[in-house]
Amino acid sequence: DAACGPAAGCGLAGSTMFPLLHCAQRMFTSQTEGELKVTQILKDKFPGATAIQVTDISGGCGAMYEIRIESEEFKEKRTVQQHQMVNQALKEEIKGMHGLRIFTSVPKH
């Protein structure tokens, strides 16, 4: 498209969106297969978790996930250590992803 080519100054910026264009839009009422799989792995690795939320933020592709997990296991650990625990739990799944957005917390009593 000549209106948005390199001469228009938006060649590279525009092209970063193309890998995700093949992803079909999905209904947000049900979890994707990838979300269910990641959720189950986290439930297994963090059996004491009081909340686990996994959201595919790549339009259903499984390329990028936002993970929110609340667990006593994070108590007295620095944020970076908490995130390392989540990354370790998902080390095999991460190989096929572009990235994760991780939010961890300890339950408030």
N, C-alpha and C. Protein backbone atom coordinates (compact mmCIF):
# COMPACT_ATOMS: atom_id res chain seq x y z
N ASP A 1 0.85 -1.18 0.00
CA ASP A 1 0.00 0.00 0.00
C ASP A 1 0.88 1.23 0.00
N ALA A 2 0.78 2.06 -1.01
CA ALA A 2 1.64 3.23 -1.16
C ALA A 2 1.41 4.25 -0.07
N ALA A 3 0.23 4.30 0.50
CA ALA A 3 -0.08 5.28 1.54
C ALA A 3 0.68 4.99 2.83
N CYS A 4 1.15 3.76 3.00
CA CYS A 4 1.85 3.43 4.22
C CYS A 4 3.09 2.59 3.93
N GLY A 5 3.86 3.00 2.96
CA GLY A 5 5.10 2.30 2.63
C GLY A 5 6.26 2.96 3.33
N PRO A 6 7.49 2.48 3.06
CA PRO A 6 8.68 3.06 3.68
C PRO A 6 8.82 4.56 3.41
N ALA A 7 8.39 5.01 2.24
CA ALA A 7 8.49 6.44 1.91
C ALA A 7 7.61 7.28 2.82
N ALA A 8 6.53 6.69 3.32
CA ALA A 8 5.62 7.42 4.20
C ALA A 8 6.11 7.39 5.65
N GLY A 9 7.21 6.65 5.87
CA GLY A 9 7.78 6.60 7.21
C GLY A 9 7.11 5.62 8.14
N CYS A 10 6.34 4.68 7.60
CA CYS A 10 5.66 3.74 8.51
C CYS A 10 5.84 2.29 8.07
N GLY A 11 6.92 2.02 7.34
CA GLY A 11 7.17 0.66 6.86
C GLY A 11 7.36 -0.34 7.99
N LEU A 12 8.37 -0.14 8.82
CA LEU A 12 8.66 -1.10 9.89
C LEU A 12 7.60 -1.08 10.98
N ALA A 13 7.17 0.09 11.36
CA ALA A 13 6.17 0.18 12.44
C ALA A 13 4.90 -0.57 12.05
N GLY A 14 4.48 -0.41 10.82
CA GLY A 14 3.26 -1.08 10.36
C GLY A 14 3.43 -2.58 10.24
N SER A 15 4.63 -3.02 9.87
CA SER A 15 4.83 -4.44 9.61
C SER A 15 4.83 -5.27 10.89
N THR A 16 5.04 -4.65 12.04
CA THR A 16 5.06 -5.43 13.28
C THR A 16 3.70 -6.04 13.58
N MET A 17 2.64 -5.52 12.99
CA MET A 17 1.30 -6.04 13.24
C MET A 17 0.99 -7.24 12.36
N PHE A 18 1.67 -7.41 11.24
CA PHE A 18 1.31 -8.44 10.29
C PHE A 18 1.34 -9.87 10.80
N PRO A 19 2.30 -10.27 11.65
CA PRO A 19 2.30 -11.66 12.10
C PRO A 19 1.01 -12.06 12.82
N LEU A 20 0.32 -11.10 13.41
CA LEU A 20 -0.89 -11.44 14.15
C LEU A 20 -2.16 -11.31 13.32
N LEU A 21 -2.04 -10.82 12.08
CA LEU A 21 -3.23 -10.63 11.26
C LEU A 21 -3.94 -11.94 10.92
N HIS A 22 -3.19 -13.05 10.90
CA HIS A 22 -3.82 -14.33 10.56
C HIS A 22 -4.68 -14.86 11.69
N CYS A 23 -4.59 -14.27 12.84
CA CYS A 23 -5.37 -14.73 13.99
C CYS A 23 -6.83 -14.29 13.86
N ALA A 24 -7.70 -15.23 14.00
CA ALA A 24 -9.12 -14.90 13.94
C ALA A 24 -9.56 -14.25 15.25
N GLN A 25 -10.46 -13.34 15.16
CA GLN A 25 -11.02 -12.76 16.39
C GLN A 25 -11.81 -13.84 17.10
N ARG A 26 -11.85 -13.79 18.41
CA ARG A 26 -12.54 -14.83 19.16
C ARG A 26 -13.55 -14.22 20.10
N MET A 27 -14.44 -15.06 20.55
CA MET A 27 -15.41 -14.62 21.55
C MET A 27 -14.71 -14.60 22.90
N PHE A 28 -14.94 -13.57 23.68
CA PHE A 28 -14.27 -13.46 24.96
C PHE A 28 -15.02 -14.17 26.09
N THR A 29 -16.05 -14.91 25.75
CA THR A 29 -16.84 -15.59 26.78
C THR A 29 -16.24 -16.93 27.18
N SER A 30 -15.41 -17.52 26.32
CA SER A 30 -14.82 -18.80 26.67
C SER A 30 -13.31 -18.75 26.47
N GLN A 31 -12.59 -19.58 27.23
CA GLN A 31 -11.15 -19.59 27.14
C GLN A 31 -10.68 -20.35 25.91
N THR A 32 -9.54 -19.94 25.37
CA THR A 32 -8.95 -20.66 24.25
C THR A 32 -8.29 -21.93 24.79
N GLU A 33 -7.94 -22.83 23.90
CA GLU A 33 -7.26 -24.07 24.28
C GLU A 33 -5.95 -23.75 24.99
N GLY A 34 -5.21 -22.76 24.48
CA GLY A 34 -3.95 -22.36 25.10
C GLY A 34 -4.14 -21.81 26.50
N GLU A 35 -5.17 -20.99 26.68
CA GLU A 35 -5.46 -20.42 28.00
C GLU A 35 -5.77 -21.54 29.00
N LEU A 36 -6.57 -22.50 28.57
CA LEU A 36 -6.93 -23.62 29.44
C LEU A 36 -5.70 -24.45 29.81
N LYS A 37 -4.82 -24.67 28.84
CA LYS A 37 -3.62 -25.46 29.07
C LYS A 37 -2.69 -24.75 30.07
N VAL A 38 -2.45 -23.46 29.86
CA VAL A 38 -1.57 -22.70 30.75
C VAL A 38 -2.19 -22.63 32.15
N THR A 39 -3.50 -22.41 32.22
CA THR A 39 -4.20 -22.36 33.51
C THR A 39 -4.02 -23.68 34.26
N GLN A 40 -4.17 -24.80 33.57
CA GLN A 40 -4.05 -26.11 34.22
C GLN A 40 -2.63 -26.34 34.73
N ILE A 41 -1.64 -25.96 33.95
CA ILE A 41 -0.24 -26.12 34.38
C ILE A 41 0.00 -25.29 35.64
N LEU A 42 -0.49 -24.06 35.65
CA LEU A 42 -0.30 -23.20 36.83
C LEU A 42 -1.04 -23.75 38.05
N LYS A 43 -2.22 -24.32 37.84
CA LYS A 43 -2.95 -24.94 38.96
C LYS A 43 -2.16 -26.11 39.53
N ASP A 44 -1.52 -26.88 38.65
CA ASP A 44 -0.71 -28.02 39.10
C ASP A 44 0.54 -27.56 39.85
N LYS A 45 1.18 -26.51 39.34
CA LYS A 45 2.43 -26.03 39.93
C LYS A 45 2.22 -25.18 41.17
N PHE A 46 1.06 -24.54 41.25
CA PHE A 46 0.73 -23.67 42.39
C PHE A 46 -0.60 -24.14 43.00
N PRO A 47 -0.61 -25.31 43.64
CA PRO A 47 -1.87 -25.86 44.15
C PRO A 47 -2.53 -24.98 45.21
N GLY A 48 -1.76 -24.13 45.87
CA GLY A 48 -2.32 -23.26 46.89
C GLY A 48 -2.80 -21.92 46.36
N ALA A 49 -2.75 -21.73 45.05
CA ALA A 49 -3.15 -20.45 44.46
C ALA A 49 -4.62 -20.17 44.74
N THR A 50 -4.90 -18.93 45.15
CA THR A 50 -6.29 -18.55 45.42
C THR A 50 -6.94 -17.93 44.20
N ALA A 51 -6.13 -17.53 43.22
CA ALA A 51 -6.67 -16.98 41.96
C ALA A 51 -5.65 -17.19 40.84
N ILE A 52 -6.14 -17.65 39.70
CA ILE A 52 -5.31 -17.78 38.50
C ILE A 52 -6.15 -17.30 37.33
N GLN A 53 -5.61 -16.33 36.60
CA GLN A 53 -6.30 -15.83 35.41
C GLN A 53 -5.29 -15.78 34.27
N VAL A 54 -5.62 -16.45 33.17
CA VAL A 54 -4.76 -16.49 32.00
C VAL A 54 -5.54 -15.94 30.82
N THR A 55 -4.97 -14.92 30.16
CA THR A 55 -5.64 -14.30 29.02
C THR A 55 -4.69 -14.24 27.83
N ASP A 56 -5.13 -14.78 26.70
CA ASP A 56 -4.36 -14.68 25.46
C ASP A 56 -4.53 -13.25 24.95
N ILE A 57 -3.44 -12.49 24.96
CA ILE A 57 -3.51 -11.09 24.52
C ILE A 57 -2.97 -10.92 23.10
N SER A 58 -2.91 -12.04 22.36
CA SER A 58 -2.48 -11.98 20.96
C SER A 58 -3.64 -12.31 20.03
N GLY A 59 -4.85 -12.09 20.49
CA GLY A 59 -6.02 -12.30 19.63
C GLY A 59 -6.39 -13.76 19.45
N GLY A 60 -5.91 -14.63 20.31
CA GLY A 60 -6.25 -16.05 20.21
C GLY A 60 -5.16 -16.90 19.58
N CYS A 61 -4.03 -16.30 19.22
CA CYS A 61 -2.92 -17.03 18.58
C CYS A 61 -2.13 -17.91 19.53
N GLY A 62 -2.09 -17.52 20.80
CA GLY A 62 -1.24 -18.23 21.74
C GLY A 62 0.19 -17.70 21.73
N ALA A 63 0.39 -16.53 21.12
CA ALA A 63 1.74 -15.96 21.02
C ALA A 63 2.12 -15.17 22.27
N MET A 64 1.13 -14.63 22.97
CA MET A 64 1.41 -13.81 24.14
C MET A 64 0.26 -13.93 25.13
N TYR A 65 0.63 -14.11 26.40
CA TYR A 65 -0.37 -14.27 27.45
C TYR A 65 -0.16 -13.27 28.58
N GLU A 66 -1.26 -12.88 29.18
CA GLU A 66 -1.21 -12.12 30.43
C GLU A 66 -1.64 -13.10 31.52
N ILE A 67 -0.81 -13.20 32.55
CA ILE A 67 -1.05 -14.15 33.64
C ILE A 67 -1.16 -13.38 34.94
N ARG A 68 -2.24 -13.63 35.67
CA ARG A 68 -2.42 -13.07 37.01
C ARG A 68 -2.59 -14.24 37.95
N ILE A 69 -1.72 -14.29 38.95
CA ILE A 69 -1.78 -15.41 39.89
C ILE A 69 -1.54 -14.91 41.31
N GLU A 70 -2.41 -15.37 42.19
CA GLU A 70 -2.35 -15.00 43.60
C GLU A 70 -2.08 -16.28 44.39
N SER A 71 -0.98 -16.30 45.17
CA SER A 71 -0.63 -17.51 45.90
C SER A 71 0.21 -17.19 47.13
N GLU A 72 -0.03 -17.95 48.20
CA GLU A 72 0.77 -17.85 49.42
C GLU A 72 2.24 -18.20 49.14
N GLU A 73 2.46 -18.98 48.09
CA GLU A 73 3.84 -19.39 47.75
C GLU A 73 4.73 -18.20 47.41
N PHE A 74 4.13 -17.07 47.09
CA PHE A 74 4.90 -15.87 46.74
C PHE A 74 5.28 -15.05 47.97
N LYS A 75 4.73 -15.42 49.13
CA LYS A 75 4.97 -14.66 50.36
C LYS A 75 6.46 -14.56 50.66
N GLU A 76 6.90 -13.37 51.04
CA GLU A 76 8.29 -13.09 51.40
C GLU A 76 9.27 -13.31 50.25
N LYS A 77 8.78 -13.29 49.02
CA LYS A 77 9.65 -13.36 47.84
C LYS A 77 9.54 -12.05 47.09
N ARG A 78 10.65 -11.62 46.53
CA ARG A 78 10.65 -10.40 45.72
C ARG A 78 9.87 -10.66 44.42
N THR A 79 9.39 -9.60 43.81
CA THR A 79 8.61 -9.74 42.58
C THR A 79 9.37 -10.52 41.52
N VAL A 80 10.64 -10.23 41.36
CA VAL A 80 11.43 -10.94 40.34
C VAL A 80 11.49 -12.44 40.64
N GLN A 81 11.56 -12.81 41.90
CA GLN A 81 11.56 -14.23 42.27
C GLN A 81 10.20 -14.87 41.98
N GLN A 82 9.13 -14.14 42.25
CA GLN A 82 7.78 -14.63 41.96
C GLN A 82 7.63 -14.90 40.47
N HIS A 83 8.10 -13.95 39.66
CA HIS A 83 7.98 -14.09 38.21
C HIS A 83 8.85 -15.24 37.70
N GLN A 84 10.02 -15.44 38.32
CA GLN A 84 10.87 -16.57 37.94
C GLN A 84 10.17 -17.89 38.22
N MET A 85 9.42 -17.96 39.31
CA MET A 85 8.67 -19.16 39.65
C MET A 85 7.63 -19.48 38.56
N VAL A 86 6.95 -18.44 38.09
CA VAL A 86 5.93 -18.62 37.04
C VAL A 86 6.61 -19.03 35.73
N ASN A 87 7.71 -18.34 35.39
CA ASN A 87 8.44 -18.69 34.17
C ASN A 87 8.95 -20.13 34.21
N GLN A 88 9.44 -20.55 35.36
CA GLN A 88 9.94 -21.93 35.52
C GLN A 88 8.80 -22.93 35.34
N ALA A 89 7.65 -22.62 35.90
CA ALA A 89 6.49 -23.52 35.78
C ALA A 89 6.06 -23.68 34.32
N LEU A 90 6.26 -22.63 33.53
CA LEU A 90 5.81 -22.64 32.13
C LEU A 90 6.95 -22.74 31.12
N LYS A 91 8.12 -23.22 31.56
CA LYS A 91 9.31 -23.18 30.71
C LYS A 91 9.12 -23.86 29.35
N GLU A 92 8.39 -24.97 29.30
CA GLU A 92 8.18 -25.66 28.01
C GLU A 92 7.23 -24.87 27.12
N GLU A 93 6.18 -24.31 27.70
CA GLU A 93 5.18 -23.57 26.92
C GLU A 93 5.76 -22.25 26.39
N ILE A 94 6.65 -21.64 27.18
CA ILE A 94 7.22 -20.34 26.81
C ILE A 94 8.02 -20.44 25.50
N LYS A 95 8.58 -21.61 25.22
CA LYS A 95 9.39 -21.78 24.01
C LYS A 95 8.65 -21.39 22.74
N GLY A 96 7.33 -21.59 22.72
CA GLY A 96 6.56 -21.28 21.53
C GLY A 96 5.85 -19.93 21.57
N MET A 97 6.17 -19.11 22.57
CA MET A 97 5.48 -17.82 22.75
C MET A 97 6.40 -16.66 22.42
N HIS A 98 5.78 -15.52 22.13
CA HIS A 98 6.54 -14.28 21.97
C HIS A 98 6.80 -13.64 23.32
N GLY A 99 5.90 -13.84 24.26
CA GLY A 99 6.12 -13.23 25.56
C GLY A 99 5.00 -13.46 26.54
N LEU A 100 5.28 -13.10 27.78
CA LEU A 100 4.32 -13.20 28.87
C LEU A 100 4.26 -11.87 29.59
N ARG A 101 3.09 -11.54 30.07
CA ARG A 101 2.91 -10.39 30.97
C ARG A 101 2.44 -11.00 32.28
N ILE A 102 3.28 -10.93 33.31
CA ILE A 102 3.01 -11.63 34.56
C ILE A 102 2.71 -10.65 35.69
N PHE A 103 1.64 -10.93 36.41
CA PHE A 103 1.27 -10.17 37.60
C PHE A 103 1.08 -11.17 38.74
N THR A 104 1.88 -11.04 39.79
CA THR A 104 1.77 -11.96 40.92
C THR A 104 1.41 -11.19 42.17
N SER A 105 0.76 -11.89 43.09
CA SER A 105 0.40 -11.26 44.36
C SER A 105 0.21 -12.33 45.43
N VAL A 106 0.22 -11.86 46.68
CA VAL A 106 -0.02 -12.71 47.83
C VAL A 106 -1.41 -12.39 48.33
N PRO A 107 -2.21 -13.40 48.70
CA PRO A 107 -3.57 -13.12 49.19
C PRO A 107 -3.54 -12.21 50.42
N LYS A 108 -4.47 -11.28 50.46
CA LYS A 108 -4.59 -10.40 51.62
C LYS A 108 -5.54 -11.03 52.61
N HIS A 109 -5.11 -11.11 53.86
CA HIS A 109 -5.95 -11.75 54.90
C HIS A 109 -6.65 -10.74 55.74
